[in-house]
Structure formats: structure tokens, C-alpha cells
Amino acid sequence: MATRALLAAGLLAAAAAARPETPPAAGGAAARAPRPGPREKCPVCGMFVARHPDWIAAITFRDGERAVFDGAKDLFKFWLEPGRFLPSRRREDVAALAVTDYYAVAAVDARAAWYVVGSDVLGPMGRELVPFARREDAEEFLRDHHGARIVGFDEVTPALVRSLDE
């Protein structure tokens, strides 16, 4: 568990906007986001993020500030309605988005990741969008954990995110 926590602490703020079939893994040219402090809270749910290092997601803003989340689901809630959670922020302020790959426990570009919906694996806030850098890994997880489907970043809608909380 300590190794997974250390790997997750190295979240990268990846900048690639396109989603290749097999996106680059953590450790590319992207800058490292600092590990969340013990008192840093998710702006969506208020949970202390550092308590869930295997699920950390982050948004880095153009001014260097960041927001950390306890999972991809809350990152998407923020992304889809940033002004609702941090009124001073807009999508145009975002420089990079990162999520933690479920198997590698390493940061990947959220825009390049694949997400499994409807699995039997729960995140810190319940049903979750489980992220993977490689589609092959998402397909394996889908089979092993009874997932419903795999979606890309642009396929995540407000309705899909809401359905995870129902």
C-alpha cells in the first residue's frame, strides 16, 4: 500500500489534449503536481484527498494553482461545472488535468485516459469512473470487474456523472 501511495503522490499534470489509442504513461515531459497535503480538500465533496492516494485526480490552472480531487468522478463534476465549485475558475483557466491509472497507480493525462463505468469497484465516493492509460487495461478491468462500458474523456457527460450518484 505504501508503494501505491508513493506512486499516486507523483501525479503528473499532463498537457496533451488528444487521446491516442495508448496514451503516454506517467513520467513523460509533463510537470509533477505536488502531493496533496493532509488538510487539502476536494472542492466538490470536501473530502480530505490525501487519505485516498490511489484515486487522486488534479487540475492545474494556468496561474500555477491547483485543485485536487478524491477521484475522477469529482474531477469531472468540477470540469463540467467549474464555477459551481470554485466561482473564480473557468475551463479556460485549466492548463492540465490528471487522474490516477487504476492498475499503474500513476498519473495520466485525464484527456487521454479511458474510463470504465459501472464496475463492482468503488472509489472513495462510491461508484466511480475508473481511469486507465491504456485501453487494453480498461478492457481487462471491464471484464474482471463486471463493468458496463468504457468511455473516453469527451464522452463523459453531466448525465453520466449524475448516474454514478443515483
N, C-alpha and C. Protein backbone atom coordinates (compact mmCIF):
# COMPACT_ATOMS: atom_id res chain seq x y z
N MET A 1 0.82 -1.19 0.00
CA MET A 1 0.00 0.00 0.00
C MET A 1 0.87 1.25 0.00
N ALA A 2 1.98 1.23 0.74
CA ALA A 2 2.85 2.40 0.79
C ALA A 2 3.41 2.71 -0.59
N THR A 3 3.76 1.67 -1.35
CA THR A 3 4.28 1.88 -2.69
C THR A 3 3.22 2.51 -3.57
N ARG A 4 1.99 2.02 -3.48
CA ARG A 4 0.90 2.60 -4.27
C ARG A 4 0.70 4.06 -3.89
N ALA A 5 0.78 4.37 -2.60
CA ALA A 5 0.60 5.75 -2.14
C ALA A 5 1.71 6.64 -2.67
N LEU A 6 2.94 6.15 -2.65
CA LEU A 6 4.06 6.95 -3.16
C LEU A 6 3.92 7.19 -4.66
N LEU A 7 3.52 6.16 -5.39
CA LEU A 7 3.33 6.33 -6.83
C LEU A 7 2.22 7.33 -7.13
N ALA A 8 1.12 7.21 -6.40
CA ALA A 8 0.00 8.12 -6.62
C ALA A 8 0.37 9.54 -6.25
N ALA A 9 1.26 9.70 -5.27
CA ALA A 9 1.67 11.04 -4.85
C ALA A 9 2.40 11.76 -5.96
N GLY A 10 2.90 11.04 -6.93
CA GLY A 10 3.62 11.66 -8.03
C GLY A 10 2.72 12.03 -9.19
N LEU A 11 1.49 12.43 -8.93
CA LEU A 11 0.56 12.82 -10.00
C LEU A 11 1.21 13.79 -10.98
N LEU A 12 1.06 13.51 -12.23
CA LEU A 12 1.59 14.39 -13.26
C LEU A 12 0.48 15.24 -13.84
N ALA A 13 0.81 16.47 -14.14
CA ALA A 13 -0.15 17.33 -14.81
C ALA A 13 0.17 17.28 -16.30
N ALA A 14 -0.43 16.32 -17.00
CA ALA A 14 -0.15 16.12 -18.41
C ALA A 14 -0.88 17.16 -19.25
N ALA A 15 -0.29 17.57 -20.34
CA ALA A 15 -0.85 18.64 -21.13
C ALA A 15 -1.40 18.22 -22.48
N ALA A 16 -1.21 16.99 -22.89
CA ALA A 16 -1.68 16.57 -24.21
C ALA A 16 -3.19 16.60 -24.28
N ALA A 17 -3.74 17.19 -25.30
CA ALA A 17 -5.20 17.30 -25.42
C ALA A 17 -5.79 16.15 -26.22
N ALA A 18 -5.03 15.54 -27.08
CA ALA A 18 -5.55 14.44 -27.90
C ALA A 18 -5.47 13.14 -27.13
N ARG A 19 -6.36 12.20 -27.47
CA ARG A 19 -6.38 10.91 -26.79
C ARG A 19 -5.89 9.84 -27.75
N PRO A 20 -4.59 9.47 -27.68
CA PRO A 20 -4.09 8.41 -28.55
C PRO A 20 -4.64 7.06 -28.09
N GLU A 21 -4.52 6.06 -28.94
CA GLU A 21 -5.02 4.73 -28.59
C GLU A 21 -4.36 4.22 -27.30
N THR A 22 -3.07 4.42 -27.16
CA THR A 22 -2.37 4.08 -25.93
C THR A 22 -1.61 5.33 -25.48
N PRO A 23 -2.19 6.11 -24.57
CA PRO A 23 -1.59 7.36 -24.17
C PRO A 23 -0.29 7.15 -23.43
N PRO A 24 0.54 8.22 -23.35
CA PRO A 24 1.79 8.10 -22.64
C PRO A 24 1.55 7.85 -21.17
N ALA A 25 2.40 7.06 -20.58
CA ALA A 25 2.30 6.77 -19.14
C ALA A 25 2.90 7.92 -18.35
N ALA A 26 2.73 7.86 -17.06
CA ALA A 26 3.30 8.85 -16.17
C ALA A 26 4.81 8.91 -16.39
N GLY A 27 5.38 10.07 -16.20
CA GLY A 27 6.81 10.21 -16.29
C GLY A 27 7.27 10.86 -17.57
N GLY A 28 6.35 11.30 -18.42
CA GLY A 28 6.72 11.97 -19.65
C GLY A 28 7.25 13.37 -19.37
N ALA A 29 7.07 14.26 -20.30
CA ALA A 29 7.61 15.60 -20.18
C ALA A 29 6.75 16.52 -19.30
N ALA A 30 5.63 16.01 -18.82
CA ALA A 30 4.74 16.84 -18.02
C ALA A 30 5.33 17.14 -16.65
N ALA A 31 4.92 18.25 -16.07
CA ALA A 31 5.40 18.64 -14.75
C ALA A 31 4.71 17.82 -13.68
N ARG A 32 5.39 17.61 -12.57
CA ARG A 32 4.82 16.89 -11.45
C ARG A 32 3.98 17.82 -10.60
N ALA A 33 2.81 17.34 -10.21
CA ALA A 33 1.99 18.08 -9.26
C ALA A 33 2.42 17.65 -7.87
N PRO A 34 2.55 18.56 -6.93
CA PRO A 34 2.96 18.17 -5.59
C PRO A 34 1.92 17.27 -4.93
N ARG A 35 2.38 16.46 -4.01
CA ARG A 35 1.48 15.56 -3.28
C ARG A 35 0.52 16.40 -2.46
N PRO A 36 -0.76 16.02 -2.43
CA PRO A 36 -1.73 16.77 -1.62
C PRO A 36 -1.34 16.74 -0.15
N GLY A 37 -1.46 17.88 0.48
CA GLY A 37 -1.20 17.97 1.91
C GLY A 37 -2.31 17.30 2.70
N PRO A 38 -2.06 16.98 3.96
CA PRO A 38 -3.05 16.25 4.76
C PRO A 38 -4.35 17.01 4.99
N ARG A 39 -4.36 18.32 4.80
CA ARG A 39 -5.56 19.12 5.03
C ARG A 39 -6.22 19.59 3.73
N GLU A 40 -5.67 19.20 2.57
CA GLU A 40 -6.26 19.62 1.30
C GLU A 40 -7.54 18.85 1.04
N LYS A 41 -8.58 19.60 0.68
CA LYS A 41 -9.90 19.01 0.46
C LYS A 41 -10.31 19.10 -1.00
N CYS A 42 -11.10 18.14 -1.39
CA CYS A 42 -11.72 18.15 -2.72
C CYS A 42 -12.71 19.30 -2.76
N PRO A 43 -12.63 20.17 -3.78
CA PRO A 43 -13.58 21.29 -3.85
C PRO A 43 -15.01 20.86 -4.17
N VAL A 44 -15.21 19.62 -4.58
CA VAL A 44 -16.54 19.14 -4.91
C VAL A 44 -17.25 18.54 -3.70
N CYS A 45 -16.56 17.65 -2.97
CA CYS A 45 -17.22 16.93 -1.87
C CYS A 45 -16.69 17.29 -0.49
N GLY A 46 -15.54 17.97 -0.43
CA GLY A 46 -14.97 18.35 0.86
C GLY A 46 -14.16 17.27 1.54
N MET A 47 -13.97 16.12 0.90
CA MET A 47 -13.20 15.03 1.49
C MET A 47 -11.71 15.38 1.50
N PHE A 48 -10.98 14.94 2.53
CA PHE A 48 -9.53 15.11 2.58
C PHE A 48 -8.91 14.17 1.55
N VAL A 49 -8.29 14.73 0.54
CA VAL A 49 -7.83 13.98 -0.63
C VAL A 49 -6.66 13.05 -0.31
N ALA A 50 -5.73 13.47 0.52
CA ALA A 50 -4.53 12.67 0.79
C ALA A 50 -4.86 11.32 1.42
N ARG A 51 -6.03 11.19 1.97
CA ARG A 51 -6.43 9.91 2.59
C ARG A 51 -6.74 8.83 1.55
N HIS A 52 -6.81 9.22 0.29
CA HIS A 52 -7.17 8.28 -0.79
C HIS A 52 -6.18 8.41 -1.94
N PRO A 53 -4.89 8.12 -1.69
CA PRO A 53 -3.86 8.37 -2.71
C PRO A 53 -4.02 7.56 -3.99
N ASP A 54 -4.68 6.42 -3.93
CA ASP A 54 -4.82 5.60 -5.13
C ASP A 54 -5.86 6.15 -6.11
N TRP A 55 -6.60 7.17 -5.70
CA TRP A 55 -7.68 7.71 -6.53
C TRP A 55 -7.46 9.17 -6.91
N ILE A 56 -6.40 9.80 -6.48
CA ILE A 56 -6.20 11.24 -6.65
C ILE A 56 -6.31 11.67 -8.10
N ALA A 57 -6.99 12.79 -8.29
CA ALA A 57 -7.07 13.47 -9.58
C ALA A 57 -6.74 14.93 -9.31
N ALA A 58 -6.28 15.64 -10.33
CA ALA A 58 -5.88 17.03 -10.12
C ALA A 58 -6.10 17.87 -11.37
N ILE A 59 -6.40 19.12 -11.11
CA ILE A 59 -6.45 20.12 -12.17
C ILE A 59 -5.40 21.17 -11.83
N THR A 60 -4.55 21.46 -12.79
CA THR A 60 -3.58 22.52 -12.63
C THR A 60 -4.05 23.70 -13.49
N PHE A 61 -4.09 24.85 -12.86
CA PHE A 61 -4.54 26.05 -13.56
C PHE A 61 -3.36 26.80 -14.17
N ARG A 62 -3.63 27.63 -15.13
CA ARG A 62 -2.58 28.39 -15.83
C ARG A 62 -1.76 29.27 -14.88
N ASP A 63 -2.34 29.70 -13.78
CA ASP A 63 -1.61 30.55 -12.83
C ASP A 63 -0.77 29.73 -11.84
N GLY A 64 -0.74 28.40 -12.03
CA GLY A 64 0.07 27.54 -11.16
C GLY A 64 -0.68 26.96 -9.98
N GLU A 65 -1.85 27.48 -9.67
CA GLU A 65 -2.66 26.93 -8.59
C GLU A 65 -3.24 25.60 -9.06
N ARG A 66 -3.75 24.82 -8.11
CA ARG A 66 -4.33 23.55 -8.49
C ARG A 66 -5.51 23.22 -7.59
N ALA A 67 -6.29 22.28 -8.05
CA ALA A 67 -7.37 21.70 -7.26
C ALA A 67 -7.15 20.20 -7.30
N VAL A 68 -7.30 19.54 -6.15
CA VAL A 68 -7.13 18.09 -6.08
C VAL A 68 -8.46 17.45 -5.71
N PHE A 69 -8.68 16.26 -6.23
CA PHE A 69 -9.95 15.57 -6.09
C PHE A 69 -9.72 14.15 -5.59
N ASP A 70 -10.72 13.58 -4.97
CA ASP A 70 -10.62 12.23 -4.44
C ASP A 70 -11.01 11.17 -5.46
N GLY A 71 -11.09 11.53 -6.71
CA GLY A 71 -11.38 10.59 -7.78
C GLY A 71 -11.75 11.29 -9.06
N ALA A 72 -11.77 10.52 -10.14
CA ALA A 72 -12.10 11.07 -11.45
C ALA A 72 -13.53 11.61 -11.49
N LYS A 73 -14.44 10.97 -10.78
CA LYS A 73 -15.84 11.43 -10.80
C LYS A 73 -15.94 12.88 -10.33
N ASP A 74 -15.29 13.21 -9.24
CA ASP A 74 -15.35 14.59 -8.75
C ASP A 74 -14.58 15.54 -9.65
N LEU A 75 -13.49 15.08 -10.26
CA LEU A 75 -12.80 15.92 -11.24
C LEU A 75 -13.75 16.28 -12.37
N PHE A 76 -14.52 15.30 -12.85
CA PHE A 76 -15.47 15.57 -13.93
C PHE A 76 -16.60 16.48 -13.48
N LYS A 77 -17.08 16.31 -12.27
CA LYS A 77 -18.11 17.22 -11.77
C LYS A 77 -17.60 18.66 -11.84
N PHE A 78 -16.35 18.85 -11.42
CA PHE A 78 -15.75 20.18 -11.47
C PHE A 78 -15.58 20.63 -12.92
N TRP A 79 -15.00 19.78 -13.76
CA TRP A 79 -14.74 20.13 -15.16
C TRP A 79 -16.01 20.54 -15.88
N LEU A 80 -17.09 19.83 -15.62
CA LEU A 80 -18.34 20.10 -16.31
C LEU A 80 -19.03 21.36 -15.79
N GLU A 81 -18.76 21.78 -14.55
CA GLU A 81 -19.35 22.98 -13.96
C GLU A 81 -18.36 23.67 -13.02
N PRO A 82 -17.23 24.17 -13.53
CA PRO A 82 -16.21 24.72 -12.63
C PRO A 82 -16.69 25.87 -11.75
N GLY A 83 -17.50 26.76 -12.28
CA GLY A 83 -17.98 27.91 -11.50
C GLY A 83 -18.84 27.53 -10.32
N ARG A 84 -19.43 26.36 -10.37
CA ARG A 84 -20.27 25.90 -9.26
C ARG A 84 -19.46 25.61 -8.00
N PHE A 85 -18.23 25.12 -8.18
CA PHE A 85 -17.41 24.70 -7.05
C PHE A 85 -16.34 25.72 -6.66
N LEU A 86 -15.77 26.38 -7.63
CA LEU A 86 -14.83 27.47 -7.40
C LEU A 86 -15.25 28.61 -8.32
N PRO A 87 -16.08 29.51 -7.83
CA PRO A 87 -16.67 30.55 -8.69
C PRO A 87 -15.66 31.38 -9.48
N SER A 88 -14.44 31.48 -9.00
CA SER A 88 -13.44 32.30 -9.70
C SER A 88 -12.77 31.55 -10.85
N ARG A 89 -13.09 30.27 -11.05
CA ARG A 89 -12.42 29.46 -12.08
C ARG A 89 -13.34 29.12 -13.24
N ARG A 90 -12.71 29.05 -14.44
CA ARG A 90 -13.42 28.66 -15.66
C ARG A 90 -12.58 27.60 -16.38
N ARG A 91 -13.17 26.93 -17.33
CA ARG A 91 -12.42 25.93 -18.10
C ARG A 91 -11.19 26.54 -18.77
N GLU A 92 -11.32 27.77 -19.19
CA GLU A 92 -10.21 28.44 -19.87
C GLU A 92 -9.00 28.62 -18.95
N ASP A 93 -9.21 28.52 -17.64
CA ASP A 93 -8.12 28.65 -16.67
C ASP A 93 -7.31 27.38 -16.52
N VAL A 94 -7.80 26.26 -17.06
CA VAL A 94 -7.18 24.96 -16.85
C VAL A 94 -6.00 24.76 -17.80
N ALA A 95 -4.86 24.40 -17.21
CA ALA A 95 -3.68 24.09 -18.01
C ALA A 95 -3.55 22.58 -18.22
N ALA A 96 -3.91 21.78 -17.20
CA ALA A 96 -3.75 20.33 -17.30
C ALA A 96 -4.71 19.63 -16.36
N LEU A 97 -5.07 18.40 -16.72
CA LEU A 97 -5.91 17.54 -15.90
C LEU A 97 -5.22 16.19 -15.77
N ALA A 98 -5.20 15.63 -14.57
CA ALA A 98 -4.57 14.33 -14.37
C ALA A 98 -5.46 13.45 -13.50
N VAL A 99 -5.44 12.16 -13.78
CA VAL A 99 -6.13 11.16 -12.97
C VAL A 99 -5.13 10.05 -12.67
N THR A 100 -5.45 9.21 -11.70
CA THR A 100 -4.56 8.11 -11.34
C THR A 100 -5.03 6.82 -12.02
N ASP A 101 -4.15 6.26 -12.85
CA ASP A 101 -4.43 4.99 -13.52
C ASP A 101 -4.64 3.93 -12.44
N TYR A 102 -5.73 3.19 -12.54
CA TYR A 102 -6.10 2.23 -11.51
C TYR A 102 -5.06 1.12 -11.33
N TYR A 103 -4.54 0.56 -12.42
CA TYR A 103 -3.57 -0.52 -12.30
C TYR A 103 -2.16 0.00 -12.00
N ALA A 104 -1.72 1.00 -12.71
CA ALA A 104 -0.35 1.50 -12.54
C ALA A 104 -0.19 2.38 -11.31
N VAL A 105 -1.29 2.90 -10.78
CA VAL A 105 -1.28 3.85 -9.67
C VAL A 105 -0.26 4.95 -9.99
N ALA A 106 -0.41 5.49 -11.18
CA ALA A 106 0.45 6.57 -11.66
C ALA A 106 -0.44 7.57 -12.40
N ALA A 107 0.00 8.79 -12.40
CA ALA A 107 -0.79 9.85 -13.03
C ALA A 107 -0.75 9.73 -14.55
N VAL A 108 -1.89 10.02 -15.15
CA VAL A 108 -2.01 10.08 -16.61
C VAL A 108 -2.85 11.30 -16.96
N ASP A 109 -2.70 11.76 -18.17
CA ASP A 109 -3.48 12.87 -18.67
C ASP A 109 -4.96 12.45 -18.69
N ALA A 110 -5.79 13.18 -17.99
CA ALA A 110 -7.21 12.83 -17.90
C ALA A 110 -7.87 12.85 -19.27
N ARG A 111 -7.40 13.72 -20.17
CA ARG A 111 -8.00 13.80 -21.50
C ARG A 111 -7.64 12.60 -22.36
N ALA A 112 -6.54 11.94 -22.04
CA ALA A 112 -6.08 10.79 -22.82
C ALA A 112 -6.51 9.46 -22.20
N ALA A 113 -7.04 9.49 -21.00
CA ALA A 113 -7.39 8.26 -20.29
C ALA A 113 -8.68 7.65 -20.81
N TRP A 114 -8.83 6.38 -20.48
CA TRP A 114 -10.05 5.62 -20.73
C TRP A 114 -10.68 5.36 -19.38
N TYR A 115 -12.02 5.38 -19.31
CA TYR A 115 -12.73 5.25 -18.04
C TYR A 115 -13.73 4.11 -18.11
N VAL A 116 -13.68 3.24 -17.10
CA VAL A 116 -14.66 2.15 -17.02
C VAL A 116 -15.80 2.63 -16.12
N VAL A 117 -17.00 2.47 -16.62
CA VAL A 117 -18.21 2.87 -15.92
C VAL A 117 -18.96 1.61 -15.50
N GLY A 118 -19.54 1.64 -14.30
CA GLY A 118 -20.44 0.58 -13.87
C GLY A 118 -19.78 -0.68 -13.36
N SER A 119 -18.56 -0.58 -12.83
CA SER A 119 -17.89 -1.78 -12.33
C SER A 119 -18.30 -2.06 -10.88
N ASP A 120 -17.78 -3.18 -10.36
CA ASP A 120 -18.03 -3.53 -8.97
C ASP A 120 -16.99 -2.93 -8.02
N VAL A 121 -16.09 -2.11 -8.53
CA VAL A 121 -15.07 -1.45 -7.71
C VAL A 121 -15.58 -0.06 -7.34
N LEU A 122 -15.53 0.24 -6.06
CA LEU A 122 -15.98 1.54 -5.57
C LEU A 122 -14.79 2.42 -5.21
N GLY A 123 -14.93 3.71 -5.46
CA GLY A 123 -13.92 4.68 -5.07
C GLY A 123 -14.29 5.30 -3.73
N PRO A 124 -13.57 6.32 -3.31
CA PRO A 124 -13.85 6.97 -2.03
C PRO A 124 -15.28 7.53 -1.92
N MET A 125 -15.87 7.91 -3.05
CA MET A 125 -17.22 8.47 -3.05
C MET A 125 -18.23 7.52 -3.69
N GLY A 126 -17.94 6.22 -3.65
CA GLY A 126 -18.89 5.25 -4.20
C GLY A 126 -18.59 4.89 -5.63
N ARG A 127 -19.65 4.77 -6.44
CA ARG A 127 -19.46 4.40 -7.85
C ARG A 127 -18.59 5.44 -8.53
N GLU A 128 -17.69 4.98 -9.39
CA GLU A 128 -16.62 5.84 -9.89
C GLU A 128 -16.36 5.59 -11.37
N LEU A 129 -15.76 6.57 -12.01
CA LEU A 129 -15.19 6.41 -13.34
C LEU A 129 -13.76 5.92 -13.08
N VAL A 130 -13.47 4.68 -13.40
CA VAL A 130 -12.17 4.10 -13.08
C VAL A 130 -11.23 4.33 -14.26
N PRO A 131 -10.15 5.13 -14.04
CA PRO A 131 -9.28 5.54 -15.15
C PRO A 131 -8.14 4.59 -15.48
N PHE A 132 -7.81 4.54 -16.77
CA PHE A 132 -6.70 3.74 -17.28
C PHE A 132 -6.00 4.50 -18.39
N ALA A 133 -4.68 4.39 -18.44
CA ALA A 133 -3.91 4.99 -19.53
C ALA A 133 -4.09 4.20 -20.81
N ARG A 134 -4.19 2.88 -20.70
CA ARG A 134 -4.27 2.01 -21.88
C ARG A 134 -5.66 1.40 -22.02
N ARG A 135 -6.18 1.46 -23.20
CA ARG A 135 -7.50 0.87 -23.46
C ARG A 135 -7.50 -0.63 -23.14
N GLU A 136 -6.40 -1.31 -23.44
CA GLU A 136 -6.31 -2.74 -23.15
C GLU A 136 -6.52 -3.02 -21.66
N ASP A 137 -5.97 -2.17 -20.81
CA ASP A 137 -6.16 -2.34 -19.37
C ASP A 137 -7.61 -2.09 -18.98
N ALA A 138 -8.21 -1.08 -19.60
CA ALA A 138 -9.62 -0.79 -19.32
C ALA A 138 -10.50 -1.97 -19.74
N GLU A 139 -10.18 -2.59 -20.87
CA GLU A 139 -10.96 -3.74 -21.34
C GLU A 139 -10.82 -4.93 -20.38
N GLU A 140 -9.60 -5.17 -19.90
CA GLU A 140 -9.38 -6.26 -18.94
C GLU A 140 -10.16 -6.00 -17.65
N PHE A 141 -10.07 -4.77 -17.16
CA PHE A 141 -10.78 -4.40 -15.93
C PHE A 141 -12.29 -4.54 -16.13
N LEU A 142 -12.79 -4.10 -17.26
CA LEU A 142 -14.22 -4.20 -17.58
C LEU A 142 -14.69 -5.66 -17.45
N ARG A 143 -13.91 -6.57 -18.01
CA ARG A 143 -14.27 -8.00 -17.94
C ARG A 143 -14.17 -8.52 -16.50
N ASP A 144 -13.07 -8.20 -15.83
CA ASP A 144 -12.82 -8.74 -14.48
C ASP A 144 -13.74 -8.16 -13.41
N HIS A 145 -14.22 -6.95 -13.62
CA HIS A 145 -15.00 -6.26 -12.58
C HIS A 145 -16.41 -5.89 -13.04
N HIS A 146 -16.91 -6.62 -14.02
CA HIS A 146 -18.31 -6.51 -14.43
C HIS A 146 -18.70 -5.08 -14.79
N GLY A 147 -17.81 -4.38 -15.51
CA GLY A 147 -18.11 -3.02 -15.92
C GLY A 147 -19.18 -2.98 -17.00
N ALA A 148 -19.80 -1.83 -17.13
CA ALA A 148 -20.86 -1.66 -18.13
C ALA A 148 -20.30 -1.21 -19.47
N ARG A 149 -19.32 -0.28 -19.44
CA ARG A 149 -18.75 0.22 -20.69
C ARG A 149 -17.49 1.02 -20.43
N ILE A 150 -16.80 1.33 -21.51
CA ILE A 150 -15.59 2.15 -21.48
C ILE A 150 -15.89 3.43 -22.23
N VAL A 151 -15.50 4.55 -21.65
CA VAL A 151 -15.69 5.84 -22.31
C VAL A 151 -14.39 6.64 -22.30
N GLY A 152 -14.29 7.54 -23.27
CA GLY A 152 -13.18 8.48 -23.31
C GLY A 152 -13.59 9.78 -22.64
N PHE A 153 -12.64 10.66 -22.45
CA PHE A 153 -12.85 11.93 -21.76
C PHE A 153 -14.04 12.70 -22.32
N ASP A 154 -14.09 12.85 -23.64
CA ASP A 154 -15.15 13.65 -24.26
C ASP A 154 -16.53 12.98 -24.22
N GLU A 155 -16.58 11.72 -23.83
CA GLU A 155 -17.85 11.00 -23.73
C GLU A 155 -18.47 11.10 -22.33
N VAL A 156 -17.74 11.70 -21.40
CA VAL A 156 -18.27 11.85 -20.04
C VAL A 156 -19.18 13.07 -20.02
N THR A 157 -20.45 12.84 -19.75
CA THR A 157 -21.46 13.90 -19.76
C THR A 157 -21.97 14.15 -18.34
N PRO A 158 -22.63 15.28 -18.14
CA PRO A 158 -23.25 15.50 -16.82
C PRO A 158 -24.21 14.37 -16.44
N ALA A 159 -24.97 13.87 -17.39
CA ALA A 159 -25.92 12.79 -17.10
C ALA A 159 -25.19 11.52 -16.65
N LEU A 160 -24.09 11.20 -17.30
CA LEU A 160 -23.31 10.02 -16.91
C LEU A 160 -22.78 10.18 -15.49
N VAL A 161 -22.22 11.34 -15.19
CA VAL A 161 -21.68 11.58 -13.85
C VAL A 161 -22.80 11.52 -12.80
N ARG A 162 -23.95 12.14 -13.10
CA ARG A 162 -25.08 12.07 -12.17
C ARG A 162 -25.53 10.63 -11.92
N SER A 163 -25.50 9.82 -12.97
CA SER A 163 -25.97 8.43 -12.82
C SER A 163 -25.10 7.64 -11.84
N LEU A 164 -23.87 8.04 -11.65
CA LEU A 164 -22.99 7.35 -10.72
C LEU A 164 -23.37 7.63 -9.27
N ASP A 165 -24.09 8.71 -9.04
CA ASP A 165 -24.51 9.07 -7.69
C ASP A 165 -25.93 8.61 -7.38
N GLU A 166 -26.61 8.03 -8.35
CA GLU A 166 -28.00 7.60 -8.13
C GLU A 166 -28.06 6.27 -7.42
